[in-house]
């Protein structure tokens, strides 16, 4: 008889926590219909800094189990230590399940936010590309420049051992490098003579404008320095900051060579286009003082017949460096 009573007490000690658990989850189901909806509601509260709702479920569990403990102690059951162990274990399990659910939901929300941000940035980039193409159709001297420079920069990146992902970013950098030119007056971009003085300084500002337009795009942060520095020169005579070879990345060096080559091989308001061979000769003449010699050599191998690719002649300091605008 005593053994039967002990078994009964032990069984009740295990059943009570389970009963409390079922009651607790039943209340949540009735008031929220679905447990996931309850979790989302609680997460939104947490994100707004309200921790009361997050602690509510644990508080309800503790209160319910406290009632059970009081009942057990009031009955004077000899197996109350087992009851306490069961209650603590059940409470720990509930807390783990709830925390795991909240963390999982936050992780999914974070992934969704990141995917949405990437999608928004991609849409923004496509809008900028369309704006550039539309602007280029109004200017016969720059028509198609963004796509040409992008393709050539990508090809050079591959030739110089960069990954496909880096090459794709170089393509974007080549396309978007001069988006700041939209802020430059058309009277300057279409002038029949070379710019000088204050007009040239105004033209130089397009680099910083490009940087500011693209800076909000986190996915492009890696190529922003190249866009900002594609008018810098190896000896520090470029703009906007007069940086020299020690601080210029390979991406910036590639973009500088490709941008200048494209500019020289197409008509400008104040001069006629050069042939590819003439443009490469000019780039070689301005290397290594102005351009990276390795980049010029790779470009020459891409745009010139094999029979015409020769080593670079020594730089003549008495002649001015080529510029792309």
C-alpha atoms as a PDB file:
ATOM      1  CA  UNK A   1       0.000   0.000   0.000  1.00  0.00           C
ATOM      2  CA  UNK A   2       2.812   2.364   0.861  1.00  0.00           C
ATOM      3  CA  UNK A   3       4.543   1.550  -2.435  1.00  0.00           C
ATOM      4  CA  UNK A   4       1.339   2.274  -4.334  1.00  0.00           C
ATOM      5  CA  UNK A   5       1.006   5.657  -2.598  1.00  0.00           C
ATOM      6  CA  UNK A   6       4.606   6.488  -3.470  1.00  0.00           C
ATOM      7  CA  UNK A   7       4.024   5.608  -7.095  1.00  0.00           C
ATOM      8  CA  UNK A   8       0.884   7.704  -7.090  1.00  0.00           C
ATOM      9  CA  UNK A   9       2.696  10.690  -5.601  1.00  0.00           C
ATOM     10  CA  UNK A  10       5.586  10.330  -8.055  1.00  0.00           C
ATOM     11  CA  UNK A  11       3.185  10.118 -11.018  1.00  0.00           C
ATOM     12  CA  UNK A  12       1.305  13.215  -9.849  1.00  0.00           C
ATOM     13  CA  UNK A  13       4.629  15.021  -9.456  1.00  0.00           C
ATOM     14  CA  UNK A  14       5.390  14.407 -13.108  1.00  0.00           C
ATOM     15  CA  UNK A  15       1.859  15.031 -14.366  1.00  0.00           C
ATOM     16  CA  UNK A  16       1.416  18.433 -12.737  1.00  0.00           C
ATOM     17  CA  UNK A  17       4.244  20.179 -14.656  1.00  0.00           C
ATOM     18  CA  UNK A  18       3.018  18.715 -17.931  1.00  0.00           C
ATOM     19  CA  UNK A  19      -0.513  19.843 -17.117  1.00  0.00           C
ATOM     20  CA  UNK A  20       0.705  23.364 -16.389  1.00  0.00           C
ATOM     21  CA  UNK A  21       2.646  23.377 -19.642  1.00  0.00           C
ATOM     22  CA  UNK A  22      -0.383  22.346 -21.673  1.00  0.00           C
ATOM     23  CA  UNK A  23      -2.543  24.987 -19.985  1.00  0.00           C
ATOM     24  CA  UNK A  24       0.094  27.654 -20.688  1.00  0.00           C
ATOM     25  CA  UNK A  25       0.398  26.778 -24.380  1.00  0.00           C
ATOM     26  CA  UNK A  26      -3.374  26.502 -24.665  1.00  0.00           C
ATOM     27  CA  UNK A  27      -3.790  30.054 -23.393  1.00  0.00           C
ATOM     28  CA  UNK A  28      -1.228  31.278 -25.932  1.00  0.00           C
ATOM     29  CA  UNK A  29      -3.044  29.453 -28.734  1.00  0.00           C
ATOM     30  CA  UNK A  30      -6.443  30.857 -27.785  1.00  0.00           C
ATOM     31  CA  UNK A  31      -5.215  34.444 -27.636  1.00  0.00           C
ATOM     32  CA  UNK A  32      -2.863  34.372 -30.631  1.00  0.00           C
ATOM     33  CA  UNK A  33      -4.339  31.596 -32.840  1.00  0.00           C
ATOM     34  CA  UNK A  34      -0.837  30.681 -33.927  1.00  0.00           C
ATOM     35  CA  UNK A  35       2.315  30.593 -31.829  1.00  0.00           C
ATOM     36  CA  UNK A  36       4.361  32.158 -34.638  1.00  0.00           C
ATOM     37  CA  UNK A  37       2.158  35.230 -34.575  1.00  0.00           C
ATOM     38  CA  UNK A  38       2.794  35.534 -30.847  1.00  0.00           C
ATOM     39  CA  UNK A  39       6.550  35.350 -31.450  1.00  0.00           C
ATOM     40  CA  UNK A  40       6.405  38.010 -34.163  1.00  0.00           C
ATOM     41  CA  UNK A  41       4.404  40.274 -31.868  1.00  0.00           C
ATOM     42  CA  UNK A  42       6.929  39.787 -29.089  1.00  0.00           C
ATOM     43  CA  UNK A  43       9.880  40.443 -31.433  1.00  0.00           C
ATOM     44  CA  UNK A  44       8.315  43.688 -32.620  1.00  0.00           C
ATOM     45  CA  UNK A  45       7.989  44.735 -28.985  1.00  0.00           C
ATOM     46  CA  UNK A  46      11.635  43.909 -28.385  1.00  0.00           C
ATOM     47  CA  UNK A  47      12.728  45.908 -31.413  1.00  0.00           C
ATOM     48  CA  UNK A  48      10.870  48.919 -29.999  1.00  0.00           C
ATOM     49  CA  UNK A  49      12.657  48.508 -26.669  1.00  0.00           C
ATOM     50  CA  UNK A  50       9.650  46.999 -24.806  1.00  0.00           C
ATOM     51  CA  UNK A  51      10.891  43.984 -22.817  1.00  0.00           C
ATOM     52  CA  UNK A  52       7.713  43.527 -20.743  1.00  0.00           C
ATOM     53  CA  UNK A  53       6.020  41.371 -23.352  1.00  0.00           C
ATOM     54  CA  UNK A  54       9.123  39.217 -23.799  1.00  0.00           C
ATOM     55  CA  UNK A  55       9.147  38.422 -20.078  1.00  0.00           C
ATOM     56  CA  UNK A  56       5.401  37.817 -19.875  1.00  0.00           C
ATOM     57  CA  UNK A  57       5.453  34.196 -21.018  1.00  0.00           C
ATOM     58  CA  UNK A  58       8.273  33.272 -18.654  1.00  0.00           C
ATOM     59  CA  UNK A  59       6.507  35.108 -15.834  1.00  0.00           C
ATOM     60  CA  UNK A  60       3.299  33.173 -16.449  1.00  0.00           C
ATOM     61  CA  UNK A  61       5.254  29.916 -16.362  1.00  0.00           C
ATOM     62  CA  UNK A  62       6.996  30.826 -13.114  1.00  0.00           C
ATOM     63  CA  UNK A  63       3.710  31.885 -11.503  1.00  0.00           C
ATOM     64  CA  UNK A  64       1.896  28.720 -12.548  1.00  0.00           C
ATOM     65  CA  UNK A  65       4.698  26.509 -11.367  1.00  0.00           C
ATOM     66  CA  UNK A  66       4.883  28.437  -8.113  1.00  0.00           C
ATOM     67  CA  UNK A  67       1.243  27.606  -7.502  1.00  0.00           C
ATOM     68  CA  UNK A  68       1.970  23.943  -8.140  1.00  0.00           C
ATOM     69  CA  UNK A  69       4.916  24.071  -5.695  1.00  0.00           C
ATOM     70  CA  UNK A  70       2.696  25.564  -2.995  1.00  0.00           C
ATOM     71  CA  UNK A  71       0.109  22.848  -3.558  1.00  0.00           C
ATOM     72  CA  UNK A  72       2.791  20.185  -3.353  1.00  0.00           C
ATOM     73  CA  UNK A  73       4.219  21.591  -0.140  1.00  0.00           C
ATOM     74  CA  UNK A  74       0.733  21.955   1.301  1.00  0.00           C
ATOM     75  CA  UNK A  75      -0.025  18.317   0.622  1.00  0.00           C
ATOM     76  CA  UNK A  76       3.191  17.305   2.309  1.00  0.00           C
ATOM     77  CA  UNK A  77       4.200  14.945  -0.463  1.00  0.00           C
ATOM     78  CA  UNK A  78       7.417  13.090   0.336  1.00  0.00           C
ATOM     79  CA  UNK A  79       8.626  13.344  -3.264  1.00  0.00           C
ATOM     80  CA  UNK A  80       8.555  17.123  -3.467  1.00  0.00           C
ATOM     81  CA  UNK A  81      12.305  17.276  -4.380  1.00  0.00           C
ATOM     82  CA  UNK A  82      11.518  15.302  -7.518  1.00  0.00           C
ATOM     83  CA  UNK A  83       8.682  17.714  -8.187  1.00  0.00           C
ATOM     84  CA  UNK A  84      11.034  20.676  -7.889  1.00  0.00           C
ATOM     85  CA  UNK A  85      13.521  19.052 -10.241  1.00  0.00           C
ATOM     86  CA  UNK A  86      10.766  18.436 -12.764  1.00  0.00           C
ATOM     87  CA  UNK A  87       9.501  22.008 -12.493  1.00  0.00           C
ATOM     88  CA  UNK A  88      12.965  23.505 -12.914  1.00  0.00           C
ATOM     89  CA  UNK A  89      13.713  21.250 -15.871  1.00  0.00           C
ATOM     90  CA  UNK A  90      10.400  22.111 -17.514  1.00  0.00           C
ATOM     91  CA  UNK A  91      10.903  25.828 -16.941  1.00  0.00           C
ATOM     92  CA  UNK A  92      14.417  25.639 -18.394  1.00  0.00           C
ATOM     93  CA  UNK A  93      13.089  23.779 -21.409  1.00  0.00           C
ATOM     94  CA  UNK A  94      10.372  26.382 -21.960  1.00  0.00           C
ATOM     95  CA  UNK A  95      12.887  29.212 -21.731  1.00  0.00           C
ATOM     96  CA  UNK A  96      15.219  27.477 -24.199  1.00  0.00           C
ATOM     97  CA  UNK A  97      12.387  26.867 -26.653  1.00  0.00           C
ATOM     98  CA  UNK A  98      11.192  30.456 -26.442  1.00  0.00           C
ATOM     99  CA  UNK A  99      14.676  31.944 -26.785  1.00  0.00           C
ATOM    100  CA  UNK A 100      15.422  29.631 -29.703  1.00  0.00           C
ATOM    101  CA  UNK A 101      12.197  30.699 -31.387  1.00  0.00           C
ATOM    102  CA  UNK A 102      12.916  34.400 -30.908  1.00  0.00           C
ATOM    103  CA  UNK A 103      16.519  34.058 -32.134  1.00  0.00           C
ATOM    104  CA  UNK A 104      15.398  32.058 -35.159  1.00  0.00           C
ATOM    105  CA  UNK A 105      12.768  34.633 -36.034  1.00  0.00           C
ATOM    106  CA  UNK A 106      15.249  37.488 -35.643  1.00  0.00           C
ATOM    107  CA  UNK A 107      17.723  35.634 -37.867  1.00  0.00           C
ATOM    108  CA  UNK A 108      15.095  35.165 -40.563  1.00  0.00           C
ATOM    109  CA  UNK A 109      14.064  38.798 -40.314  1.00  0.00           C
ATOM    110  CA  UNK A 110      17.702  39.898 -40.564  1.00  0.00           C
ATOM    111  CA  UNK A 111      18.196  37.761 -43.680  1.00  0.00           C
ATOM    112  CA  UNK A 112      15.015  39.171 -45.209  1.00  0.00           C
ATOM    113  CA  UNK A 113      16.160  42.720 -44.478  1.00  0.00           C
ATOM    114  CA  UNK A 114      19.572  42.071 -46.040  1.00  0.00           C
ATOM    115  CA  UNK A 115      18.001  40.555 -49.168  1.00  0.00           C
ATOM    116  CA  UNK A 116      15.625  43.492 -49.427  1.00  0.00           C
ATOM    117  CA  UNK A 117      18.515  45.960 -49.017  1.00  0.00           C
ATOM    118  CA  UNK A 118      20.530  44.250 -51.755  1.00  0.00           C
ATOM    119  CA  UNK A 119      17.482  44.257 -54.010  1.00  0.00           C
ATOM    120  CA  UNK A 120      16.898  47.956 -53.367  1.00  0.00           C
ATOM    121  CA  UNK A 121      20.543  48.781 -54.089  1.00  0.00           C
ATOM    122  CA  UNK A 122      20.436  46.772 -57.312  1.00  0.00           C
ATOM    123  CA  UNK A 123      17.332  48.664 -58.367  1.00  0.00           C
ATOM    124  CA  UNK A 124      19.049  51.958 -57.505  1.00  0.00           C
ATOM    125  CA  UNK A 125      22.099  51.006 -59.585  1.00  0.00           C
ATOM    126  CA  UNK A 126      19.892  50.104 -62.554  1.00  0.00           C
ATOM    127  CA  UNK A 127      18.115  53.438 -62.279  1.00  0.00           C
ATOM    128  CA  UNK A 128      21.473  55.243 -62.260  1.00  0.00           C
ATOM    129  CA  UNK A 129      22.603  53.263 -65.308  1.00  0.00           C
ATOM    130  CA  UNK A 130      19.461  54.234 -67.213  1.00  0.00           C
ATOM    131  CA  UNK A 131      19.911  57.875 -66.253  1.00  0.00           C
ATOM    132  CA  UNK A 132      23.507  57.747 -67.512  1.00  0.00           C
ATOM    133  CA  UNK A 133      22.517  56.149 -70.799  1.00  0.00           C
ATOM    134  CA  UNK A 134      19.786  58.711 -71.314  1.00  0.00           C
ATOM    135  CA  UNK A 135      22.220  61.556 -70.567  1.00  0.00           C
ATOM    136  CA  UNK A 136      24.786  60.078 -72.962  1.00  0.00           C
ATOM    137  CA  UNK A 137      22.262  59.975 -75.807  1.00  0.00           C
ATOM    138  CA  UNK A 138      22.100  63.773 -75.593  1.00  0.00           C
ATOM    139  CA  UNK A 139      25.857  64.133 -75.996  1.00  0.00           C
ATOM    140  CA  UNK A 140      27.446  62.573 -79.060  1.00  0.00           C
ATOM    141  CA  UNK A 141      30.900  62.849 -77.473  1.00  0.00           C
ATOM    142  CA  UNK A 142      30.093  60.689 -74.435  1.00  0.00           C
ATOM    143  CA  UNK A 143      27.544  58.326 -75.989  1.00  0.00           C
ATOM    144  CA  UNK A 144      28.293  54.736 -74.986  1.00  0.00           C
ATOM    145  CA  UNK A 145      31.267  55.723 -72.818  1.00  0.00           C
ATOM    146  CA  UNK A 146      29.987  54.173 -69.589  1.00  0.00           C
ATOM    147  CA  UNK A 147      29.368  50.758 -71.149  1.00  0.00           C
ATOM    148  CA  UNK A 148      32.675  50.766 -73.051  1.00  0.00           C
ATOM    149  CA  UNK A 149      34.725  51.654 -69.993  1.00  0.00           C
ATOM    150  CA  UNK A 150      32.837  49.127 -67.874  1.00  0.00           C
ATOM    151  CA  UNK A 151      33.470  46.275 -70.303  1.00  0.00           C
ATOM    152  CA  UNK A 152      37.121  47.180 -70.763  1.00  0.00           C
ATOM    153  CA  UNK A 153      37.697  47.549 -67.008  1.00  0.00           C
ATOM    154  CA  UNK A 154      36.135  44.140 -66.435  1.00  0.00           C
ATOM    155  CA  UNK A 155      38.306  42.509 -69.098  1.00  0.00           C
ATOM    156  CA  UNK A 156      41.439  44.112 -67.665  1.00  0.00           C
ATOM    157  CA  UNK A 157      40.546  42.938 -64.176  1.00  0.00           C
ATOM    158  CA  UNK A 158      40.273  39.354 -65.430  1.00  0.00           C
ATOM    159  CA  UNK A 159      43.555  39.666 -67.315  1.00  0.00           C
ATOM    160  CA  UNK A 160      45.259  40.902 -64.151  1.00  0.00           C
ATOM    161  CA  UNK A 161      44.113  37.946 -62.065  1.00  0.00           C
ATOM    162  CA  UNK A 162      41.094  39.355 -60.266  1.00  0.00           C
ATOM    163  CA  UNK A 163      38.114  37.141 -59.458  1.00  0.00           C
ATOM    164  CA  UNK A 164      34.867  37.181 -61.414  1.00  0.00           C
ATOM    165  CA  UNK A 165      33.177  39.032 -58.570  1.00  0.00           C
ATOM    166  CA  UNK A 166      35.891  41.706 -58.509  1.00  0.00           C
ATOM    167  CA  UNK A 167      35.674  41.975 -62.284  1.00  0.00           C
ATOM    168  CA  UNK A 168      31.910  42.522 -62.088  1.00  0.00           C
ATOM    169  CA  UNK A 169      32.456  45.328 -59.586  1.00  0.00           C
ATOM    170  CA  UNK A 170      35.055  46.850 -61.909  1.00  0.00           C
ATOM    171  CA  UNK A 171      32.418  46.790 -64.646  1.00  0.00           C
ATOM    172  CA  UNK A 172      30.078  48.759 -62.378  1.00  0.00           C
ATOM    173  CA  UNK A 173      32.873  51.140 -61.401  1.00  0.00           C
ATOM    174  CA  UNK A 174      33.612  51.810 -65.060  1.00  0.00           C
ATOM    175  CA  UNK A 175      29.967  52.476 -65.811  1.00  0.00           C
ATOM    176  CA  UNK A 176      29.307  54.746 -62.831  1.00  0.00           C
ATOM    177  CA  UNK A 177      32.659  56.508 -62.499  1.00  0.00           C
ATOM    178  CA  UNK A 178      31.500  59.741 -64.146  1.00  0.00           C
ATOM    179  CA  UNK A 179      27.926  59.928 -62.931  1.00  0.00           C
ATOM    180  CA  UNK A 180      28.907  63.148 -61.181  1.00  0.00           C
ATOM    181  CA  UNK A 181      29.257  64.744 -64.614  1.00  0.00           C
ATOM    182  CA  UNK A 182      25.467  65.150 -64.519  1.00  0.00           C
ATOM    183  CA  UNK A 183      26.104  68.003 -62.076  1.00  0.00           C
ATOM    184  CA  UNK A 184      28.491  69.785 -64.461  1.00  0.00           C
ATOM    185  CA  UNK A 185      27.085  72.469 -66.719  1.00  0.00           C
ATOM    186  CA  UNK A 186      26.589  71.399 -70.345  1.00  0.00           C
ATOM    187  CA  UNK A 187      28.355  74.588 -71.413  1.00  0.00           C
ATOM    188  CA  UNK A 188      31.562  73.156 -69.926  1.00  0.00           C
ATOM    189  CA  UNK A 189      31.227  69.617 -71.235  1.00  0.00           C
ATOM    190  CA  UNK A 190      30.535  70.808 -74.789  1.00  0.00           C
ATOM    191  CA  UNK A 191      33.107  73.622 -74.950  1.00  0.00           C
ATOM    192  CA  UNK A 192      35.169  73.618 -78.147  1.00  0.00           C
ATOM    193  CA  UNK A 193      38.411  74.530 -76.379  1.00  0.00           C
ATOM    194  CA  UNK A 194      40.379  72.887 -73.594  1.00  0.00           C
ATOM    195  CA  UNK A 195      39.291  73.877 -70.089  1.00  0.00           C
ATOM    196  CA  UNK A 196      41.529  75.866 -67.801  1.00  0.00           C
ATOM    197  CA  UNK A 197      41.498  77.825 -64.554  1.00  0.00           C
ATOM    198  CA  UNK A 198      38.207  77.910 -62.649  1.00  0.00           C
ATOM    199  CA  UNK A 199      36.394  75.958 -65.370  1.00  0.00           C
ATOM    200  CA  UNK A 200      38.776  73.022 -65.002  1.00  0.00           C
ATOM    201  CA  UNK A 201      38.438  73.144 -61.208  1.00  0.00           C
ATOM    202  CA  UNK A 202      34.669  73.035 -61.615  1.00  0.00           C
ATOM    203  CA  UNK A 203      35.020  70.018 -63.891  1.00  0.00           C
ATOM    204  CA  UNK A 204      37.187  68.279 -61.300  1.00  0.00           C
ATOM    205  CA  UNK A 205      34.359  68.356 -58.770  1.00  0.00           C
ATOM    206  CA  UNK A 206      32.463  65.664 -60.681  1.00  0.00           C
ATOM    207  CA  UNK A 207      34.640  63.017 -59.000  1.00  0.00           C
ATOM    208  CA  UNK A 208      33.477  63.989 -55.525  1.00  0.00           C
ATOM    209  CA  UNK A 209      29.885  64.260 -56.744  1.00  0.00           C
ATOM    210  CA  UNK A 210      30.103  60.708 -58.098  1.00  0.00           C
ATOM    211  CA  UNK A 211      31.426  59.546 -54.732  1.00  0.00           C
ATOM    212  CA  UNK A 212      28.616  61.231 -52.815  1.00  0.00           C
ATOM    213  CA  UNK A 213      25.920  59.818 -55.112  1.00  0.00           C
ATOM    214  CA  UNK A 214      27.209  56.253 -54.753  1.00  0.00           C
ATOM    215  CA  UNK A 215      28.255  56.369 -51.081  1.00  0.00           C
ATOM    216  CA  UNK A 216      24.837  55.227 -49.710  1.00  0.00           C
ATOM    217  CA  UNK A 217      25.207  51.950 -51.625  1.00  0.00           C
ATOM    218  CA  UNK A 218      26.893  49.652 -49.126  1.00  0.00           C
ATOM    219  CA  UNK A 219      27.488  46.952 -51.746  1.00  0.00           C
ATOM    220  CA  UNK A 220      29.671  49.371 -53.741  1.00  0.00           C
ATOM    221  CA  UNK A 221      31.829  50.552 -50.843  1.00  0.00           C
ATOM    222  CA  UNK A 222      34.705  48.393 -52.069  1.00  0.00           C
ATOM    223  CA  UNK A 223      34.997  50.215 -55.404  1.00  0.00           C
ATOM    224  CA  UNK A 224      34.242  53.750 -54.233  1.00  0.00           C
ATOM    225  CA  UNK A 225      37.945  54.546 -53.714  1.00  0.00           C
ATOM    226  CA  UNK A 226      38.636  53.526 -57.334  1.00  0.00           C
ATOM    227  CA  UNK A 227      35.819  55.753 -58.592  1.00  0.00           C
ATOM    228  CA  UNK A 228      37.044  58.624 -56.453  1.00  0.00           C
ATOM    229  CA  UNK A 229      40.678  58.200 -57.551  1.00  0.00           C
ATOM    230  CA  UNK A 230      40.444  57.364 -61.254  1.00  0.00           C
ATOM    231  CA  UNK A 231      41.806  60.824 -62.131  1.00  0.00           C
ATOM    232  CA  UNK A 232      44.742  60.529 -59.730  1.00  0.00           C
ATOM    233  CA  UNK A 233      48.195  59.941 -61.223  1.00  0.00           C
ATOM    234  CA  UNK A 234      51.109  57.830 -60.031  1.00  0.00           C
ATOM    235  CA  UNK A 235      53.344  60.858 -59.372  1.00  0.00           C
ATOM    236  CA  UNK A 236      50.678  62.765 -57.405  1.00  0.00           C
ATOM    237  CA  UNK A 237      49.749  65.301 -60.113  1.00  0.00           C
ATOM    238  CA  UNK A 238      46.142  64.127 -60.514  1.00  0.00           C
ATOM    239  CA  UNK A 239      42.951  65.142 -58.752  1.00  0.00           C
ATOM    240  CA  UNK A 240      40.985  65.494 -56.514  1.00  0.00           C
ATOM    241  CA  UNK A 241      43.522  64.861 -53.705  1.00  0.00           C
ATOM    242  CA  UNK A 242      46.874  64.581 -55.471  1.00  0.00           C
ATOM    243  CA  UNK A 243      47.456  60.997 -54.321  1.00  0.00           C
ATOM    244  CA  UNK A 244      50.513  59.093 -55.504  1.00  0.00           C
ATOM    245  CA  UNK A 245      51.319  55.470 -56.310  1.00  0.00           C
ATOM    246  CA  UNK A 246      51.736  54.419 -52.666  1.00  0.00           C
ATOM    247  CA  UNK A 247      48.071  55.104 -51.900  1.00  0.00           C
ATOM    248  CA  UNK A 248      46.420  54.115 -55.192  1.00  0.00           C
ATOM    249  CA  UNK A 249      44.736  50.728 -55.348  1.00  0.00           C
ATOM    250  CA  UNK A 250      45.032  48.450 -58.372  1.00  0.00           C
ATOM    251  CA  UNK A 251      41.345  49.080 -59.098  1.00  0.00           C
ATOM    252  CA  UNK A 252      41.991  52.833 -59.269  1.00  0.00           C
ATOM    253  CA  UNK A 253      45.019  52.296 -61.535  1.00  0.00           C
ATOM    254  CA  UNK A 254      43.029  50.103 -63.922  1.00  0.00           C
ATOM    255  CA  UNK A 255      40.170  52.581 -64.046  1.00  0.00           C
ATOM    256  CA  UNK A 256      42.557  55.485 -64.687  1.00  0.00           C
ATOM    257  CA  UNK A 257      44.139  53.732 -67.685  1.00  0.00           C
ATOM    258  CA  UNK A 258      40.836  52.554 -69.162  1.00  0.00           C
ATOM    259  CA  UNK A 259      39.118  55.923 -68.683  1.00  0.00           C
ATOM    260  CA  UNK A 260      41.972  57.799 -70.349  1.00  0.00           C
ATOM    261  CA  UNK A 261      42.182  55.297 -73.207  1.00  0.00           C
ATOM    262  CA  UNK A 262      38.456  55.561 -73.941  1.00  0.00           C
ATOM    263  CA  UNK A 263      38.591  59.351 -73.820  1.00  0.00           C
ATOM    264  CA  UNK A 264      41.560  59.514 -76.185  1.00  0.00           C
ATOM    265  CA  UNK A 265      40.085  57.079 -78.730  1.00  0.00           C
ATOM    266  CA  UNK A 266      36.821  59.018 -79.099  1.00  0.00           C
ATOM    267  CA  UNK A 267      36.116  62.522 -80.301  1.00  0.00           C
ATOM    268  CA  UNK A 268      35.950  65.383 -77.849  1.00  0.00           C
ATOM    269  CA  UNK A 269      34.641  68.899 -78.548  1.00  0.00           C
ATOM    270  CA  UNK A 270      38.186  70.309 -78.654  1.00  0.00           C
ATOM    271  CA  UNK A 271      40.004  67.469 -80.471  1.00  0.00           C
ATOM    272  CA  UNK A 272      39.589  64.502 -82.774  1.00  0.00           C
ATOM    273  CA  UNK A 273      39.876  60.890 -81.652  1.00  0.00           C
ATOM    274  CA  UNK A 274      43.224  59.094 -81.651  1.00  0.00           C
ATOM    275  CA  UNK A 275      43.717  55.613 -83.038  1.00  0.00           C
ATOM    276  CA  UNK A 276      44.189  52.778 -80.510  1.00  0.00           C
ATOM    277  CA  UNK A 277      47.905  52.666 -81.345  1.00  0.00           C
ATOM    278  CA  UNK A 278      48.272  56.421 -80.801  1.00  0.00           C
ATOM    279  CA  UNK A 279      46.394  56.255 -77.503  1.00  0.00           C
ATOM    280  CA  UNK A 280      48.557  53.383 -76.239  1.00  0.00           C
ATOM    281  CA  UNK A 281      51.684  55.281 -77.280  1.00  0.00           C
ATOM    282  CA  UNK A 282      50.485  58.280 -75.273  1.00  0.00           C
ATOM    283  CA  UNK A 283      49.750  56.112 -72.234  1.00  0.00           C
ATOM    284  CA  UNK A 284      53.211  54.571 -72.513  1.00  0.00           C
ATOM    285  CA  UNK A 285      54.783  57.987 -72.787  1.00  0.00           C
ATOM    286  CA  UNK A 286      53.071  58.990 -69.562  1.00  0.00           C
ATOM    287  CA  UNK A 287      54.127  55.835 -67.703  1.00  0.00           C
ATOM    288  CA  UNK A 288      55.210  55.201 -65.017  1.00  0.00           C
ATOM    289  CA  UNK A 289      54.877  58.811 -63.876  1.00  0.00           C
ATOM    290  CA  UNK A 290      51.214  59.107 -64.750  1.00  0.00           C
ATOM    291  CA  UNK A 291      49.895  55.578 -65.241  1.00  0.00           C
ATOM    292  CA  UNK A 292      50.746  52.143 -63.933  1.00  0.00           C
ATOM    293  CA  UNK A 293      53.086  50.527 -66.483  1.00  0.00           C
ATOM    294  CA  UNK A 294      51.705  47.041 -65.869  1.00  0.00           C
ATOM    295  CA  UNK A 295      48.144  48.213 -66.515  1.00  0.00           C
ATOM    296  CA  UNK A 296      49.217  49.948 -69.720  1.00  0.00           C
ATOM    297  CA  UNK A 297      50.992  46.800 -70.880  1.00  0.00           C
ATOM    298  CA  UNK A 298      47.934  44.628 -70.232  1.00  0.00           C
ATOM    299  CA  UNK A 299      45.684  47.102 -72.037  1.00  0.00           C
ATOM    300  CA  UNK A 300      48.049  47.212 -75.006  1.00  0.00           C
ATOM    301  CA  UNK A 301      47.903  43.434 -75.244  1.00  0.00           C
ATOM    302  CA  UNK A 302      44.115  43.610 -75.321  1.00  0.00           C
ATOM    303  CA  UNK A 303      43.517  46.392 -77.849  1.00  0.00           C
ATOM    304  CA  UNK A 304      46.509  46.154 -80.202  1.00  0.00           C
ATOM    305  CA  UNK A 305      47.559  43.412 -82.622  1.00  0.00           C
ATOM    306  CA  UNK A 306      50.335  41.222 -81.243  1.00  0.00           C
ATOM    307  CA  UNK A 307      52.837  42.540 -83.795  1.00  0.00           C
ATOM    308  CA  UNK A 308      52.434  46.131 -82.581  1.00  0.00           C
ATOM    309  CA  UNK A 309      52.795  45.499 -78.847  1.00  0.00           C
ATOM    310  CA  UNK A 310      56.205  46.851 -77.840  1.00  0.00           C
ATOM    311  CA  UNK A 311      57.844  47.750 -74.584  1.00  0.00           C
ATOM    312  CA  UNK A 312      57.192  51.181 -73.142  1.00  0.00           C
ATOM    313  CA  UNK A 313      59.650  53.932 -74.078  1.00  0.00           C
ATOM    314  CA  UNK A 314      61.201  55.939 -71.246  1.00  0.00           C
ATOM    315  CA  UNK A 315      59.048  58.725 -69.830  1.00  0.00           C
ATOM    316  CA  UNK A 316      59.806  62.209 -71.131  1.00  0.00           C
ATOM    317  CA  UNK A 317      59.376  64.626 -68.266  1.00  0.00           C
ATOM    318  CA  UNK A 318      59.268  67.633 -70.578  1.00  0.00           C
ATOM    319  CA  UNK A 319      55.909  66.606 -72.049  1.00  0.00           C
ATOM    320  CA  UNK A 320      52.624  67.034 -70.155  1.00  0.00           C
ATOM    321  CA  UNK A 321      50.704  64.024 -68.894  1.00  0.00           C
ATOM    322  CA  UNK A 322      47.665  62.907 -70.825  1.00  0.00           C
ATOM    323  CA  UNK A 323      44.308  63.697 -69.266  1.00  0.00           C
ATOM    324  CA  UNK A 324      40.968  62.162 -70.082  1.00  0.00           C
ATOM    325  CA  UNK A 325      38.856  65.295 -69.925  1.00  0.00           C
END
